[in-house]
C-alpha cells in the first residue's frame, strides 16, 4: 500500500496504524489530514528507518501522537513548525 495514493476522508480525526509494512514514510501523507487529532503509530508500520515531518502547516489539529514499539526508527526529523 502506498499511503500517499490512499484517499483518507478529510474529516478523519483519529488514526491508528500497525503492521502496515509501508514502503514509504507515512508522515508526509498523514500531516496533510486537516482534522487529525489522534495519531497512533505502532510496530511494523514502515520498512524504512527514517521518518520526517516535512514542514510548516502539517498536523494542524494533532493533540495526541502515540508512537509505540517503534524500535525500528533510527532517525525522526521534525522541521520547525511541523507540529504545533
N, C-alpha and C. Protein backbone atom coordinates (compact mmCIF):
# COMPACT_ATOMS: atom_id res chain seq x y z
N UNK A 1 0.85 -1.18 0.00
CA UNK A 1 0.00 0.00 0.00
C UNK A 1 0.89 1.24 0.00
N UNK A 2 0.58 2.17 -0.85
CA UNK A 2 1.27 3.46 -0.89
C UNK A 2 0.32 4.47 -0.27
N UNK A 3 0.67 4.91 0.92
CA UNK A 3 -0.22 5.76 1.70
C UNK A 3 -0.55 7.08 1.01
N UNK A 4 0.40 7.65 0.28
CA UNK A 4 0.15 8.93 -0.37
C UNK A 4 -0.91 8.84 -1.47
N UNK A 5 -1.17 7.64 -1.97
CA UNK A 5 -2.19 7.45 -3.00
C UNK A 5 -3.55 7.08 -2.41
N UNK A 6 -3.57 6.75 -1.13
CA UNK A 6 -4.80 6.37 -0.46
C UNK A 6 -5.58 7.62 -0.11
N UNK A 7 -6.87 7.63 -0.36
CA UNK A 7 -7.71 8.80 -0.11
C UNK A 7 -8.41 8.67 1.24
N UNK A 8 -7.82 9.30 2.26
CA UNK A 8 -8.46 9.34 3.56
C UNK A 8 -9.57 10.38 3.53
N UNK A 9 -10.65 10.15 4.27
CA UNK A 9 -11.69 11.18 4.33
C UNK A 9 -11.11 12.42 5.01
N UNK A 10 -11.36 13.62 4.46
CA UNK A 10 -10.79 14.83 5.04
C UNK A 10 -11.27 15.10 6.47
N UNK A 11 -12.38 14.50 6.87
CA UNK A 11 -12.92 14.72 8.21
C UNK A 11 -12.33 13.76 9.26
N UNK A 12 -11.39 12.90 8.85
CA UNK A 12 -10.79 11.91 9.74
C UNK A 12 -10.14 12.59 10.95
N UNK A 13 -10.49 12.14 12.16
CA UNK A 13 -9.94 12.75 13.37
C UNK A 13 -9.01 11.82 14.14
N UNK A 14 -9.13 10.50 13.95
CA UNK A 14 -8.29 9.55 14.66
C UNK A 14 -7.81 8.47 13.69
N UNK A 15 -6.54 8.09 13.87
CA UNK A 15 -5.97 7.06 13.00
C UNK A 15 -4.95 6.25 13.79
N UNK A 16 -5.04 4.94 13.66
CA UNK A 16 -4.08 4.03 14.28
C UNK A 16 -3.55 3.11 13.19
N UNK A 17 -2.23 3.09 13.03
CA UNK A 17 -1.61 2.24 12.01
C UNK A 17 -0.67 1.25 12.68
N UNK A 18 -0.84 -0.02 12.35
CA UNK A 18 0.03 -1.07 12.88
C UNK A 18 0.18 -2.17 11.84
N UNK A 19 1.34 -2.77 11.80
CA UNK A 19 1.62 -3.89 10.90
C UNK A 19 1.29 -3.58 9.44
N UNK A 20 1.43 -2.34 9.04
CA UNK A 20 1.13 -1.95 7.67
C UNK A 20 2.29 -2.26 6.73
N UNK A 21 3.51 -2.31 7.26
CA UNK A 21 4.71 -2.58 6.47
C UNK A 21 4.78 -1.72 5.21
N UNK A 22 4.56 -0.42 5.40
CA UNK A 22 4.60 0.54 4.30
C UNK A 22 6.02 0.65 3.75
N UNK A 23 6.12 0.94 2.46
CA UNK A 23 7.44 1.08 1.84
C UNK A 23 7.96 2.50 1.92
N UNK A 24 7.08 3.46 2.14
CA UNK A 24 7.47 4.87 2.19
C UNK A 24 7.03 5.49 3.51
N UNK A 25 7.75 6.50 3.93
CA UNK A 25 7.43 7.24 5.14
C UNK A 25 5.97 7.72 5.08
N UNK A 26 5.14 7.35 6.05
CA UNK A 26 3.74 7.73 6.02
C UNK A 26 3.46 9.17 6.46
N UNK A 27 4.41 9.81 7.14
CA UNK A 27 4.14 11.12 7.72
C UNK A 27 3.84 12.22 6.70
N UNK A 28 4.51 12.31 5.55
CA UNK A 28 4.15 13.35 4.60
C UNK A 28 2.69 13.30 4.15
N UNK A 29 2.13 12.11 4.03
CA UNK A 29 0.71 11.98 3.65
C UNK A 29 -0.20 12.28 4.83
N UNK A 30 0.18 11.81 6.01
CA UNK A 30 -0.68 11.98 7.19
C UNK A 30 -0.73 13.41 7.69
N UNK A 31 0.36 14.15 7.54
CA UNK A 31 0.38 15.52 8.06
C UNK A 31 -0.57 16.44 7.30
N UNK A 32 -1.04 16.00 6.15
CA UNK A 32 -1.95 16.81 5.35
C UNK A 32 -3.42 16.64 5.75
N UNK A 33 -3.70 15.71 6.64
CA UNK A 33 -5.09 15.50 7.08
C UNK A 33 -5.48 16.65 8.00
N UNK A 34 -6.41 17.51 7.57
CA UNK A 34 -6.67 18.76 8.28
C UNK A 34 -7.30 18.64 9.66
N UNK A 35 -7.99 17.53 9.94
CA UNK A 35 -8.70 17.41 11.21
C UNK A 35 -8.15 16.30 12.11
N UNK A 36 -7.02 15.73 11.73
CA UNK A 36 -6.44 14.63 12.50
C UNK A 36 -6.03 15.12 13.89
N UNK A 37 -6.60 14.51 14.92
CA UNK A 37 -6.30 14.90 16.31
C UNK A 37 -5.52 13.84 17.06
N UNK A 38 -5.72 12.57 16.70
CA UNK A 38 -5.06 11.46 17.39
C UNK A 38 -4.38 10.58 16.34
N UNK A 39 -3.08 10.37 16.52
CA UNK A 39 -2.33 9.51 15.61
C UNK A 39 -1.53 8.51 16.43
N UNK A 40 -1.81 7.22 16.20
CA UNK A 40 -1.10 6.14 16.88
C UNK A 40 -0.30 5.37 15.84
N UNK A 41 0.99 5.31 16.06
CA UNK A 41 1.90 4.61 15.16
C UNK A 41 2.49 3.43 15.92
N UNK A 42 2.35 2.24 15.39
CA UNK A 42 2.76 1.04 16.11
C UNK A 42 3.72 0.19 15.30
N UNK A 43 4.11 -0.93 15.86
CA UNK A 43 5.11 -1.82 15.28
C UNK A 43 4.82 -2.20 13.84
N UNK A 44 5.90 -2.44 13.12
CA UNK A 44 5.85 -2.89 11.71
C UNK A 44 5.04 -1.96 10.83
N UNK A 45 5.10 -0.68 11.12
CA UNK A 45 4.37 0.31 10.35
C UNK A 45 5.03 0.57 9.00
N UNK A 46 6.36 0.62 9.02
CA UNK A 46 7.11 1.14 7.87
C UNK A 46 8.43 0.38 7.78
N UNK A 47 8.82 0.01 6.58
CA UNK A 47 10.04 -0.78 6.42
C UNK A 47 11.32 0.05 6.43
N UNK A 48 11.20 1.37 6.35
CA UNK A 48 12.37 2.24 6.38
C UNK A 48 12.85 2.48 7.80
N UNK A 49 13.88 3.27 7.95
CA UNK A 49 14.46 3.56 9.26
C UNK A 49 14.35 5.04 9.64
N UNK A 50 13.86 5.88 8.70
CA UNK A 50 13.79 7.31 8.96
C UNK A 50 12.38 7.83 8.75
N UNK A 51 11.97 8.73 9.62
CA UNK A 51 10.68 9.41 9.50
C UNK A 51 10.95 10.91 9.43
N UNK A 52 10.08 11.65 8.74
CA UNK A 52 10.27 13.10 8.64
C UNK A 52 8.94 13.81 8.60
N UNK A 53 8.83 14.86 9.40
CA UNK A 53 7.70 15.78 9.33
C UNK A 53 8.21 16.96 8.52
N UNK A 54 7.69 17.10 7.33
CA UNK A 54 8.27 17.97 6.32
C UNK A 54 8.31 19.45 6.68
N UNK A 55 7.27 19.98 7.23
CA UNK A 55 7.39 21.41 7.47
C UNK A 55 6.15 22.09 7.99
N UNK A 56 6.17 23.38 7.86
CA UNK A 56 5.14 24.24 8.42
C UNK A 56 3.77 23.93 7.85
N UNK A 57 2.77 23.89 8.72
CA UNK A 57 1.40 23.72 8.28
C UNK A 57 0.86 22.30 8.35
N UNK A 58 1.65 21.36 8.80
CA UNK A 58 1.18 19.99 8.92
C UNK A 58 0.65 19.70 10.31
N UNK A 59 -0.18 18.69 10.41
CA UNK A 59 -0.73 18.25 11.69
C UNK A 59 -1.33 19.42 12.49
N UNK A 60 -2.15 20.21 11.84
CA UNK A 60 -2.68 21.43 12.46
C UNK A 60 -3.52 21.17 13.71
N UNK A 61 -4.25 20.07 13.76
CA UNK A 61 -5.14 19.78 14.88
C UNK A 61 -4.62 18.70 15.81
N UNK A 62 -3.44 18.15 15.54
CA UNK A 62 -2.94 17.00 16.29
C UNK A 62 -2.76 17.33 17.77
N UNK A 63 -3.40 16.54 18.62
CA UNK A 63 -3.30 16.70 20.08
C UNK A 63 -2.56 15.53 20.71
N UNK A 64 -2.71 14.35 20.11
CA UNK A 64 -2.08 13.15 20.68
C UNK A 64 -1.29 12.43 19.59
N UNK A 65 -0.01 12.24 19.86
CA UNK A 65 0.85 11.43 19.00
C UNK A 65 1.39 10.32 19.88
N UNK A 66 1.04 9.09 19.55
CA UNK A 66 1.44 7.96 20.40
C UNK A 66 2.24 6.95 19.57
N UNK A 67 3.57 7.08 19.57
CA UNK A 67 4.38 6.05 18.93
C UNK A 67 4.57 4.89 19.91
N UNK A 68 4.42 3.68 19.43
CA UNK A 68 4.53 2.52 20.30
C UNK A 68 5.31 1.41 19.60
N UNK A 69 6.25 0.83 20.30
CA UNK A 69 7.06 -0.29 19.77
C UNK A 69 7.68 0.06 18.43
N UNK A 70 8.21 1.25 18.34
CA UNK A 70 8.83 1.70 17.09
C UNK A 70 10.35 1.66 17.21
N UNK A 71 10.86 0.51 17.62
CA UNK A 71 12.29 0.34 17.82
C UNK A 71 13.06 0.41 16.51
N UNK A 72 12.38 0.27 15.40
CA UNK A 72 12.99 0.29 14.09
C UNK A 72 13.40 1.70 13.65
N UNK A 73 12.88 2.73 14.29
CA UNK A 73 13.19 4.11 13.91
C UNK A 73 14.60 4.47 14.38
N UNK A 74 15.42 4.89 13.45
CA UNK A 74 16.78 5.33 13.78
C UNK A 74 16.86 6.86 13.78
N UNK A 75 16.02 7.49 12.97
CA UNK A 75 16.06 8.95 12.87
C UNK A 75 14.66 9.49 12.61
N UNK A 76 14.27 10.50 13.36
CA UNK A 76 12.98 11.16 13.17
C UNK A 76 13.25 12.65 13.08
N UNK A 77 13.12 13.21 11.89
CA UNK A 77 13.39 14.62 11.65
C UNK A 77 12.09 15.39 11.72
N UNK A 78 12.11 16.46 12.49
CA UNK A 78 10.93 17.31 12.61
C UNK A 78 11.38 18.75 12.40
N UNK A 79 11.00 19.32 11.29
CA UNK A 79 11.40 20.70 10.98
C UNK A 79 10.57 21.68 11.78
N UNK A 80 11.07 22.87 11.93
CA UNK A 80 10.39 23.91 12.69
C UNK A 80 8.98 24.12 12.14
N UNK A 81 8.00 24.16 13.03
CA UNK A 81 6.61 24.37 12.64
C UNK A 81 5.91 23.13 12.13
N UNK A 82 6.57 21.99 12.18
CA UNK A 82 5.98 20.76 11.64
C UNK A 82 4.80 20.28 12.46
N UNK A 83 4.84 20.49 13.76
CA UNK A 83 3.72 20.13 14.64
C UNK A 83 3.52 21.26 15.63
N UNK A 84 2.33 21.87 15.59
CA UNK A 84 2.08 22.97 16.54
C UNK A 84 2.20 22.52 17.99
